[in-house]
C-alpha atoms as a PDB file:
ATOM      1  CA  MET A   1       0.683  -1.513  -7.572  1.00  0.00           C
ATOM      2  CA  ALA A   2      -1.849  -0.830  -4.830  1.00  0.00           C
ATOM      3  CA  GLU A   3      -0.399   1.549  -2.249  1.00  0.00           C
ATOM      4  CA  GLY A   4      -1.567   2.568   1.202  1.00  0.00           C
ATOM      5  CA  PRO A   5      -4.733   4.469   0.175  1.00  0.00           C
ATOM      6  CA  GLN A   6      -5.999   1.736  -2.137  1.00  0.00           C
ATOM      7  CA  VAL A   7      -5.239  -1.020   0.377  1.00  0.00           C
ATOM      8  CA  LEU A   8      -7.032   0.824   3.186  1.00  0.00           C
ATOM      9  CA  LEU A   9     -10.079   1.429   0.990  1.00  0.00           C
ATOM     10  CA  LEU A  10     -10.165  -2.240   0.006  1.00  0.00           C
ATOM     11  CA  THR A  11      -9.777  -3.332   3.627  1.00  0.00           C
ATOM     12  CA  GLU A  12     -12.760  -1.179   4.568  1.00  0.00           C
ATOM     13  CA  ARG A  13     -14.833  -2.792   1.808  1.00  0.00           C
ATOM     14  CA  LEU A  14     -13.795  -6.277   2.932  1.00  0.00           C
ATOM     15  CA  ARG A  15     -14.939  -5.400   6.455  1.00  0.00           C
ATOM     16  CA  GLN A  16     -18.346  -4.366   5.121  1.00  0.00           C
ATOM     17  CA  TRP A  17     -18.675  -7.594   3.165  1.00  0.00           C
ATOM     18  CA  LEU A  18     -17.150 -10.158   5.524  1.00  0.00           C
ATOM     19  CA  LEU A  19     -16.545  -8.997   9.092  1.00  0.00           C
ATOM     20  CA  GLY A  20     -18.589 -11.017  11.570  1.00  0.00           C
ATOM     21  CA  ARG A  21     -19.829 -13.382   8.852  1.00  0.00           C
ATOM     22  CA  ILE A  22     -19.525 -17.173   8.960  1.00  0.00           C
ATOM     23  CA  PRO A  23     -18.221 -18.636   5.684  1.00  0.00           C
ATOM     24  CA  LEU A  24     -20.438 -21.404   4.354  1.00  0.00           C
ATOM     25  CA  ALA A  25     -17.750 -22.367   1.859  1.00  0.00           C
ATOM     26  CA  ILE A  26     -14.217 -21.276   1.038  1.00  0.00           C
ATOM     27  CA  THR A  27     -13.127 -22.470  -2.378  1.00  0.00           C
ATOM     28  CA  THR A  28      -9.734 -22.290  -4.049  1.00  0.00           C
ATOM     29  CA  VAL A  29      -8.049 -23.443  -7.231  1.00  0.00           C
ATOM     30  CA  ARG A  30      -4.604 -23.273  -5.597  1.00  0.00           C
ATOM     31  CA  ASP A  31      -3.347 -26.496  -4.051  1.00  0.00           C
ATOM     32  CA  ALA A  32      -1.296 -24.632  -1.449  1.00  0.00           C
ATOM     33  CA  LEU A  33      -4.461 -22.992  -0.079  1.00  0.00           C
ATOM     34  CA  THR A  34      -6.717 -26.061   0.108  1.00  0.00           C
ATOM     35  CA  ASP A  35      -6.002 -27.173   3.684  1.00  0.00           C
ATOM     36  CA  GLY A  36      -6.343 -23.662   5.075  1.00  0.00           C
ATOM     37  CA  CYS A  37      -9.697 -23.223   3.347  1.00  0.00           C
ATOM     38  CA  SER A  38     -10.987 -26.464   4.875  1.00  0.00           C
ATOM     39  CA  ASP A  39      -9.800 -25.438   8.340  1.00  0.00           C
ATOM     40  CA  ALA A  40     -11.378 -21.957   8.220  1.00  0.00           C
ATOM     41  CA  VAL A  41     -14.807 -22.773   6.767  1.00  0.00           C
ATOM     42  CA  GLU A  42     -17.702 -22.215   9.235  1.00  0.00           C
ATOM     43  CA  HIS A  43     -15.413 -20.186  11.505  1.00  0.00           C
ATOM     44  CA  PRO A  44     -16.490 -16.546  11.951  1.00  0.00           C
ATOM     45  CA  ILE A  45     -14.331 -13.796  10.488  1.00  0.00           C
ATOM     46  CA  VAL A  46     -13.395 -11.770  13.561  1.00  0.00           C
ATOM     47  CA  GLN A  47     -10.948  -9.160  12.271  1.00  0.00           C
ATOM     48  CA  ILE A  48      -9.861  -7.632   8.956  1.00  0.00           C
ATOM     49  CA  VAL A  49      -6.878  -5.290   9.123  1.00  0.00           C
ATOM     50  CA  CYS A  50      -4.174  -3.884   6.918  1.00  0.00           C
ATOM     51  CA  HIS A  51      -0.674  -2.595   7.495  1.00  0.00           C
ATOM     52  CA  GLY A  52       0.985  -0.785   4.613  1.00  0.00           C
ATOM     53  CA  LYS A  53       0.280  -2.912   1.545  1.00  0.00           C
ATOM     54  CA  HIS A  54      -0.627  -6.089   3.470  1.00  0.00           C
ATOM     55  CA  ILE A  55      -4.173  -7.296   4.231  1.00  0.00           C
ATOM     56  CA  PHE A  56      -5.008  -9.821   6.963  1.00  0.00           C
ATOM     57  CA  ILE A  57      -8.391 -11.603   7.232  1.00  0.00           C
ATOM     58  CA  CYS A  58      -8.567 -13.281  10.649  1.00  0.00           C
ATOM     59  CA  PHE A  59     -10.818 -16.207  11.608  1.00  0.00           C
ATOM     60  CA  ASP A  60     -11.772 -17.321  15.105  1.00  0.00           C
ATOM     61  CA  ASN A  61      -9.770 -20.545  14.753  1.00  0.00           C
ATOM     62  CA  GLN A  62      -6.605 -18.373  14.810  1.00  0.00           C
ATOM     63  CA  SER A  63      -5.953 -18.828  11.091  1.00  0.00           C
ATOM     64  CA  VAL A  64      -5.254 -15.747   8.976  1.00  0.00           C
ATOM     65  CA  LEU A  65      -5.581 -15.216   5.238  1.00  0.00           C
ATOM     66  CA  HIS A  66      -2.692 -12.943   4.254  1.00  0.00           C
ATOM     67  CA  ASN A  67      -2.794 -11.017   0.985  1.00  0.00           C
ATOM     68  CA  HIS A  68      -0.421  -8.637  -0.795  1.00  0.00           C
ATOM     69  CA  LEU A  69      -1.938  -7.438  -4.056  1.00  0.00           C
ATOM     70  CA  LEU A  70       1.358  -6.562  -5.786  1.00  0.00           C
ATOM     71  CA  MET A  71       0.628  -5.374  -9.342  1.00  0.00           C
ATOM     72  CA  ARG A  72      -2.521  -7.285 -10.302  1.00  0.00           C
ATOM     73  CA  GLY A  73      -4.340  -8.696  -7.291  1.00  0.00           C
ATOM     74  CA  ARG A  74      -7.952  -7.649  -6.628  1.00  0.00           C
ATOM     75  CA  TRP A  75     -11.009  -8.512  -4.538  1.00  0.00           C
ATOM     76  CA  ARG A  76     -14.557  -8.454  -5.930  1.00  0.00           C
ATOM     77  CA  LYS A  77     -18.051  -9.007  -4.495  1.00  0.00           C
ATOM     78  CA  TYR A  78     -20.590 -11.218  -6.281  1.00  0.00           C
ATOM     79  CA  GLY A  79     -24.025 -12.616  -5.496  1.00  0.00           C
ATOM     80  CA  GLY A  80     -24.412 -15.430  -2.995  1.00  0.00           C
ATOM     81  CA  GLY A  81     -24.008 -19.066  -3.977  1.00  0.00           C
ATOM     82  CA  LEU A  82     -21.791 -18.298  -6.949  1.00  0.00           C
ATOM     83  CA  LEU A  83     -21.728 -21.535  -8.949  1.00  0.00           C
ATOM     84  CA  ILE A  84     -19.023 -20.667 -11.468  1.00  0.00           C
ATOM     85  CA  LEU A  85     -16.043 -18.686 -10.222  1.00  0.00           C
ATOM     86  CA  PRO A  86     -14.433 -15.997 -12.378  1.00  0.00           C
ATOM     87  CA  GLU A  87     -11.650 -17.430 -14.515  1.00  0.00           C
ATOM     88  CA  ASP A  88      -8.940 -15.514 -12.662  1.00  0.00           C
ATOM     89  CA  ALA A  89     -10.231 -16.270  -9.146  1.00  0.00           C
ATOM     90  CA  TRP A  90      -7.716 -17.781  -6.744  1.00  0.00           C
ATOM     91  CA  LEU A  91     -10.104 -18.056  -3.795  1.00  0.00           C
ATOM     92  CA  SER A  92     -13.752 -17.368  -2.940  1.00  0.00           C
ATOM     93  CA  ILE A  93     -15.500 -16.863   0.403  1.00  0.00           C
ATOM     94  CA  ASP A  94     -19.244 -17.627   0.354  1.00  0.00           C
ATOM     95  CA  VAL A  95     -21.120 -16.094   3.303  1.00  0.00           C
ATOM     96  CA  GLY A  96     -24.636 -16.769   2.044  1.00  0.00           C
ATOM     97  CA  GLU A  97     -26.025 -13.583   0.549  1.00  0.00           C
ATOM     98  CA  LEU A  98     -22.759 -12.762  -1.176  1.00  0.00           C
ATOM     99  CA  THR A  99     -19.517 -14.323  -2.363  1.00  0.00           C
ATOM    100  CA  VAL A 100     -16.222 -12.452  -2.183  1.00  0.00           C
ATOM    101  CA  CYS A 101     -13.472 -13.512  -4.588  1.00  0.00           C
ATOM    102  CA  ASN A 102      -9.768 -12.861  -4.640  1.00  0.00           C
ATOM    103  CA  LEU A 103      -8.708 -12.411  -8.250  1.00  0.00           C
ATOM    104  CA  LYS A 104      -5.165 -13.039  -9.473  1.00  0.00           C
ATOM    105  CA  GLY A 105      -4.024 -13.521  -5.888  1.00  0.00           C
ATOM    106  CA  GLN A 106      -0.359 -12.484  -6.131  1.00  0.00           C
ATOM    107  CA  VAL A 107       0.688 -13.120  -2.500  1.00  0.00           C
ATOM    108  CA  LEU A 108      -2.132 -15.138  -0.929  1.00  0.00           C
ATOM    109  CA  GLU A 109      -1.420 -17.547   1.911  1.00  0.00           C
ATOM    110  CA  TRP A 110      -2.818 -19.022   5.097  1.00  0.00           C
ATOM    111  CA  ILE A 111      -0.708 -18.106   8.110  1.00  0.00           C
ATOM    112  CA  SER A 112      -0.931 -18.203  11.898  1.00  0.00           C
ATOM    113  CA  ARG A 113      -1.603 -15.215  14.147  1.00  0.00           C
ATOM    114  CA  ALA A 114       2.020 -15.421  15.279  1.00  0.00           C
ATOM    115  CA  ARG A 115       3.218 -15.225  11.677  1.00  0.00           C
ATOM    116  CA  MET A 116       0.935 -12.240  11.086  1.00  0.00           C
ATOM    117  CA  HIS A 117       2.562 -10.376  13.970  1.00  0.00           C
ATOM    118  CA  THR A 118       6.012 -11.264  12.629  1.00  0.00           C
ATOM    119  CA  ILE A 119       5.136  -9.770   9.240  1.00  0.00           C
ATOM    120  CA  VAL A 120       3.731  -6.586  10.785  1.00  0.00           C
ATOM    121  CA  ASN A 121       6.764  -6.204  13.049  1.00  0.00           C
ATOM    122  CA  SER A 122       9.065  -6.447  10.015  1.00  0.00           C
ATOM    123  CA  LEU A 123       7.390  -3.386   8.504  1.00  0.00           C
ATOM    124  CA  GLY A 124       7.804   0.259   9.339  1.00  0.00           C
ATOM    125  CA  PRO A 125       4.988   2.408  10.736  1.00  0.00           C
ATOM    126  CA  ASP A 126       1.869   2.507   8.556  1.00  0.00           C
ATOM    127  CA  THR A 127       1.737   5.886   6.797  1.00  0.00           C
ATOM    128  CA  MET A 128      -2.087   5.720   6.668  1.00  0.00           C
ATOM    129  CA  THR A 129      -2.330   5.581  10.464  1.00  0.00           C
ATOM    130  CA  ARG A 130      -4.166   8.384  12.216  1.00  0.00           C
ATOM    131  CA  PRO A 131      -2.771  10.131  14.122  1.00  0.00           C
ATOM    132  CA  TYR A 132       0.253  10.108  11.845  1.00  0.00           C
ATOM    133  CA  PRO A 133       3.136   8.258  13.603  1.00  0.00           C
ATOM    134  CA  LEU A 134       5.616  11.114  13.160  1.00  0.00           C
ATOM    135  CA  GLU A 135       8.154  10.168  15.819  1.00  0.00           C
ATOM    136  CA  LYS A 136       8.309   6.509  14.781  1.00  0.00           C
ATOM    137  CA  ILE A 137       8.820   7.398  11.114  1.00  0.00           C
ATOM    138  CA  GLU A 138      11.421  10.051  11.972  1.00  0.00           C
ATOM    139  CA  ASN A 139      13.432   7.501  13.935  1.00  0.00           C
ATOM    140  CA  ARG A 140      13.423   5.104  10.961  1.00  0.00           C
ATOM    141  CA  LEU A 141      14.406   7.768   8.428  1.00  0.00           C
ATOM    142  CA  ASP A 142      17.236   9.044  10.646  1.00  0.00           C
ATOM    143  CA  ALA A 143      18.979   5.700  10.165  1.00  0.00           C
ATOM    144  CA  SER A 144      18.836   5.718   6.356  1.00  0.00           C
ATOM    145  CA  GLY A 145      21.668   7.018   4.201  1.00  0.00           C
ATOM    146  CA  HIS A 146      19.923   6.017   0.977  1.00  0.00           C
ATOM    147  CA  PRO A 147      18.484   8.638  -1.374  1.00  0.00           C
ATOM    148  CA  VAL A 148      15.176   9.839   0.005  1.00  0.00           C
ATOM    149  CA  SER A 149      13.337   8.408  -3.009  1.00  0.00           C
ATOM    150  CA  GLU A 150      14.621   4.956  -2.049  1.00  0.00           C
ATOM    151  CA  SER A 151      13.887   5.346   1.648  1.00  0.00           C
ATOM    152  CA  LEU A 152      10.247   6.120   0.906  1.00  0.00           C
ATOM    153  CA  LEU A 153       9.964   2.792  -0.930  1.00  0.00           C
ATOM    154  CA  ASP A 154      11.612   0.784   1.862  1.00  0.00           C
ATOM    155  CA  GLN A 155       8.680  -0.892   3.614  1.00  0.00           C
ATOM    156  CA  SER A 156      10.863  -1.705   6.620  1.00  0.00           C
ATOM    157  CA  LEU A 157      11.245   2.041   7.237  1.00  0.00           C
ATOM    158  CA  LEU A 158       7.679   3.167   6.563  1.00  0.00           C
ATOM    159  CA  ALA A 159       4.859   1.129   5.111  1.00  0.00           C
ATOM    160  CA  GLY A 160       2.376   1.979   2.390  1.00  0.00           C
ATOM    161  CA  ILE A 161       4.243   4.254  -0.031  1.00  0.00           C
ATOM    162  CA  GLY A 162       4.838   2.967  -3.553  1.00  0.00           C
ATOM    163  CA  ASN A 163       6.234   4.361  -6.750  1.00  0.00           C
ATOM    164  CA  THR A 164       3.391   6.728  -7.606  1.00  0.00           C
ATOM    165  CA  ALA A 165       3.138   8.312  -4.170  1.00  0.00           C
ATOM    166  CA  LYS A 166       6.922   8.561  -3.866  1.00  0.00           C
ATOM    167  CA  SER A 167       7.314  10.829  -6.897  1.00  0.00           C
ATOM    168  CA  GLU A 168       4.277  12.939  -6.044  1.00  0.00           C
ATOM    169  CA  ILE A 169       5.295  13.371  -2.392  1.00  0.00           C
ATOM    170  CA  LEU A 170       8.817  14.521  -3.228  1.00  0.00           C
ATOM    171  CA  PHE A 171       7.583  16.896  -5.924  1.00  0.00           C
ATOM    172  CA  SER A 172       4.984  18.465  -3.632  1.00  0.00           C
ATOM    173  CA  ALA A 173       7.591  18.758  -0.868  1.00  0.00           C
ATOM    174  CA  GLY A 174      10.168  20.330  -3.217  1.00  0.00           C
ATOM    175  CA  ILE A 175      12.840  17.767  -2.267  1.00  0.00           C
ATOM    176  CA  ASP A 176      15.543  16.435  -4.588  1.00  0.00           C
ATOM    177  CA  PRO A 177      14.938  12.652  -4.779  1.00  0.00           C
ATOM    178  CA  ARG A 178      18.702  12.027  -4.832  1.00  0.00           C
ATOM    179  CA  LYS A 179      19.375  13.651  -1.473  1.00  0.00           C
ATOM    180  CA  PRO A 180      20.486  11.217   1.271  1.00  0.00           C
ATOM    181  CA  THR A 181      17.640  10.809   3.722  1.00  0.00           C
ATOM    182  CA  ASN A 182      19.730  11.432   6.829  1.00  0.00           C
ATOM    183  CA  THR A 183      20.892  14.807   5.449  1.00  0.00           C
ATOM    184  CA  LEU A 184      17.427  16.329   5.083  1.00  0.00           C
ATOM    185  CA  THR A 185      17.128  19.666   6.861  1.00  0.00           C
ATOM    186  CA  PRO A 186      14.511  20.156   9.580  1.00  0.00           C
ATOM    187  CA  ARG A 187      12.407  22.199   7.140  1.00  0.00           C
ATOM    188  CA  GLU A 188      12.682  19.496   4.479  1.00  0.00           C
ATOM    189  CA  ARG A 189      11.626  16.871   6.993  1.00  0.00           C
ATOM    190  CA  GLU A 190       8.647  18.971   7.987  1.00  0.00           C
ATOM    191  CA  ARG A 191       7.574  19.340   4.360  1.00  0.00           C
ATOM    192  CA  LEU A 192       8.165  15.644   3.693  1.00  0.00           C
ATOM    193  CA  HIS A 193       5.882  14.517   6.515  1.00  0.00           C
ATOM    194  CA  GLU A 194       3.259  17.080   5.544  1.00  0.00           C
ATOM    195  CA  GLN A 195       3.192  15.880   1.945  1.00  0.00           C
ATOM    196  CA  ILE A 196       3.226  12.182   2.841  1.00  0.00           C
ATOM    197  CA  GLN A 197      -0.072  12.797   4.590  1.00  0.00           C
ATOM    198  CA  ASN A 198      -1.442  15.189   1.958  1.00  0.00           C
ATOM    199  CA  ILE A 199      -0.722  12.980  -1.064  1.00  0.00           C
ATOM    200  CA  LEU A 200      -1.840   9.691   0.496  1.00  0.00           C
ATOM    201  CA  TRP A 201      -5.081  11.061   1.930  1.00  0.00           C
ATOM    202  CA  GLU A 202      -5.783  13.003  -1.255  1.00  0.00           C
ATOM    203  CA  SER A 203      -5.800   9.678  -3.089  1.00  0.00           C
ATOM    204  CA  TYR A 204      -7.907   8.026  -0.382  1.00  0.00           C
ATOM    205  CA  ASN A 205     -10.487  10.817  -0.534  1.00  0.00           C
ATOM    206  CA  ARG A 206     -10.623  10.435  -4.335  1.00  0.00           C
ATOM    207  CA  GLY A 207     -11.528   6.754  -4.027  1.00  0.00           C
ATOM    208  CA  GLY A 208      -7.940   5.592  -4.574  1.00  0.00           C
ATOM    209  CA  ARG A 209      -7.274   7.711  -7.667  1.00  0.00           C
ATOM    210  CA  TRP A 210      -4.055   9.723  -7.905  1.00  0.00           C
ATOM    211  CA  ILE A 211      -3.511  13.209  -9.239  1.00  0.00           C
ATOM    212  CA  HIS A 212      -0.476  12.824 -11.500  1.00  0.00           C
ATOM    213  CA  ARG A 213       1.483  16.057 -11.265  1.00  0.00           C
ATOM    214  CA  VAL A 214       4.789  14.491 -12.327  1.00  0.00           C
ATOM    215  CA  TYR A 215       4.343  10.703 -12.305  1.00  0.00           C
ATOM    216  CA  ARG A 216       4.742   9.219 -15.799  1.00  0.00           C
ATOM    217  CA  LYS A 217       5.118  12.718 -17.254  1.00  0.00           C
ATOM    218  CA  SER A 218       8.776  12.629 -18.263  1.00  0.00           C
ATOM    219  CA  GLY A 219       9.512  15.402 -20.776  1.00  0.00           C
ATOM    220  CA  GLU A 220       6.261  17.250 -20.125  1.00  0.00           C
ATOM    221  CA  PRO A 221       6.334  20.750 -18.585  1.00  0.00           C
ATOM    222  CA  CYS A 222       6.385  21.016 -14.809  1.00  0.00           C
ATOM    223  CA  PRO A 223       2.985  22.303 -13.607  1.00  0.00           C
ATOM    224  CA  GLU A 224       4.780  24.948 -11.525  1.00  0.00           C
ATOM    225  CA  CYS A 225       7.828  26.207 -13.440  1.00  0.00           C
ATOM    226  CA  HIS A 226       7.267  24.616 -16.893  1.00  0.00           C
ATOM    227  CA  ALA A 227      10.759  23.065 -17.005  1.00  0.00           C
ATOM    228  CA  PRO A 228      10.753  19.513 -18.451  1.00  0.00           C
ATOM    229  CA  ILE A 229       9.966  16.797 -15.932  1.00  0.00           C
ATOM    230  CA  ALA A 230      12.868  14.339 -15.668  1.00  0.00           C
ATOM    231  CA  LEU A 231      13.083  10.603 -15.062  1.00  0.00           C
ATOM    232  CA  LEU A 232      15.815   8.897 -13.059  1.00  0.00           C
ATOM    233  CA  ARG A 233      16.450   5.483 -11.538  1.00  0.00           C
ATOM    234  CA  LEU A 234      18.439   5.116  -8.345  1.00  0.00           C
ATOM    235  CA  PRO A 235      19.808   2.018  -6.589  1.00  0.00           C
ATOM    236  CA  PRO A 236      18.996  -0.206  -4.867  1.00  0.00           C
ATOM    237  CA  SER A 237      15.487  -0.460  -6.377  1.00  0.00           C
ATOM    238  CA  ASN A 238      16.272   1.184  -9.754  1.00  0.00           C
ATOM    239  CA  ARG A 239      12.590   2.051 -10.021  1.00  0.00           C
ATOM    240  CA  SER A 240      11.468   5.125 -11.932  1.00  0.00           C
ATOM    241  CA  THR A 241      11.352   8.470 -10.139  1.00  0.00           C
ATOM    242  CA  TYR A 242       9.775  11.497 -11.809  1.00  0.00           C
ATOM    243  CA  TYR A 243      10.807  14.953 -10.632  1.00  0.00           C
ATOM    244  CA  CYS A 244      11.392  18.567 -11.638  1.00  0.00           C
ATOM    245  CA  PRO A 245      15.144  19.379 -11.694  1.00  0.00           C
ATOM    246  CA  SER A 246      14.287  23.057 -11.322  1.00  0.00           C
ATOM    247  CA  CYS A 247      11.752  22.978  -8.488  1.00  0.00           C
ATOM    248  CA  GLN A 248      13.182  20.114  -6.459  1.00  0.00           C
ATOM    249  CA  THR A 249      16.405  21.716  -5.335  1.00  0.00           C
ATOM    250  CA  GLU A 250      17.582  23.411  -2.167  1.00  0.00           C
ATOM    251  CA  GLN A 251      17.357  26.716  -4.042  1.00  0.00           C
ATOM    252  CA  HIS A 252      13.598  26.209  -4.551  1.00  0.00           C
ATOM    253  CA  PRO A 253      12.400  24.815  -1.230  1.00  0.00           C
ATOM    254  CA  THR A 254       8.764  25.946  -1.324  1.00  0.00           C
ATOM    255  CA  PRO A 255       6.248  23.070  -1.411  1.00  0.00           C
ATOM    256  CA  PHE A 256       3.367  23.301  -3.834  1.00  0.00           C
END
């Protein structure tokens, strides 16, 4: 699944391709999108923003194309006047010299500006924001008694962290993923916030690629202590968390 770094990189590409352009045609194969495409065509694209894992393409008629890529969604640029859309295209935006296609959609819908603000307000602070919104994120985490691995995935607490970043952040911070979030020590909180920024921006600076220190490495030796990396699943998400049982304890609090 695309996480904060990948979504921000894609949003920046979409701005390069589409911002300020006037669509000559907006084509879709999805019945639910047809009316919105007709309404937005020939209206300039005035803003393209993201928050966490959500992308919003805003037109000057107040309509917004909202996209969440989930596991498979993508955007691709093609030459202008594309006559035959890719087989997996849900929607295309033709701005003359180029055509931009959404492939495999996932969550793709036309919404109002008011609905866009409602969605953003339902999410926690964006972890890719600069400067990093430390106080806002701290206030959200203070209220969570869930294991810290689960709190990092809760988009209503903080937006943009997914399963890959979660495991890598906690490993680099030396924090046990099972520890209740509201019991983290001040030093653990400091390391957590430091590694949220380090891991996410490391991926961004690598073009959206992750360095897998522990993710999907169950049973392999820890890169620090060589103990076997473990896999666990915790409620409520029951998603996989990879960690080092030796390094990620209160007895070994040094981040890597």
